């Protein structure tokens, strides 16, 4: 083992050596990829089905309700910033086909029913062309709400939002944009990739999600690090030290190294116009500086970043970033069944778990817990009392998911990784006994990791699964 290796680094470097020696390498190197392009907007087709009816009778939406929906959609388009709505009204399958032609092949559809059985009369082109579709149905706007679940059970990617809350239109747009944004996504990977076998395959990721995975040459990144502006490094280090509640183990050199990596990772993402990052060699980065502060920086800016090359966790963070604009806390699990508790712990964590516009959580600067306290990592103190969703998207086809409540956060962690949350779950004993039972692997990291998000997002997970053809397994 190398001078600074621990168990995880040794295993990871062994995987990398084996891949290189056998030639089992199917990544495109970032230096050989076509010139990067901005991600652009997600196009969504909005289909108003039928015509509004009278306000005082009938099974229909009225003109005021229809205008309200149009107004909310326009506000959402401006607010979200990365969606382009192609809006039209249809009273026939022919008109629907014309609207879909205008929107483009495979563009997701938001259908809004305005009159009884209007949607069922005009929906065939959407189903026949296999467009993902969310259906928004106001109460008493017709009986068409019965059919989307039937279409979904028949194999179509359809979900239903039957509600009087016009805010559900924003939810629908957020969920629908996940599909085209993933198709415009570029992921950077410092090999090796780890996780479930499908998630480690760039070809399968491209086939099933549309995202491109590019491998980064370590030597090229080291050159980038060497050229980082010294003033930017000092400013980054000062920001982390000034805002920390306490600095415990790290010295100035540790902090400066971590700050340099942080700036370089940001520049790397900008250079390649990438939206996601996974580093499979991070446990060997102590001599150059751990990337843990850099991961936090990227996630706080809306760019998911996963340590240990965990592609399942990275893809989980990316799906949720596009759906809810919140970063995730990727971490290890450990149980206390006597108190019905489940912990999540890791040595990197975003400060803004509410999202890029939210406030930073308090944090300490610590040494990494698995290399004798060396290096510099954040110990983030999340809010006690917060409901969380704990999930992971595995095998490119399944969400593992549960909810919990944060009941403890240490003032200063002692064991395990630095950032920790202790959560109360429904049945810790049953969860522990069935943990990762759906996964066909013995790899510890793949079994162990989950990603935590503030809030209860089970509805979002179920909607996303229906729209993208995935399964959901409840773990709690």
Foldseek 3Di string as FASTA:
>chain_A
DDPQDDDLLVVQVVVVVVCVVVVVDDFAALVPDPAADALAAAEEEEEEFDDADDPPDAQFHHPVVVVVLVVVVVVLCVVVVRYDYQYDYDQALVVVVVSDVVRDQQRAYEYEYGAACRCVRHVVVCLVSQHQYEYEYEPSRYDCQVPQVVSLVVPGLYYYDYYPDSVVVSLVVLLSSLQSSLLSAEEEEADDADAAPLLRDQVSSCVQRNYGYHYYDPVVLVVLLVPDDLVQLVVQLCVVVVQAPEEDQEDPVLSSLQSSLLVSVVVVCVSNVHQEYEYQNQSVCQVSAGPQVNQQVCQLVLRHYYYNNHSQQRVVQSSCCSNPQFGWAKFFWDDDQVQQKIKGAAQHDHQALVHNPHDGAHWYWWAWQRRPTGHTTIAGFDDAFFKKKKWTGHPSFEIEIDIWGFHDWDPADDDDGRHMTMTHGDGRVQLVVCQPVVGDDPDPSNSTMIIMGTDDCPVSVVSSCSSSVHYYDYSD
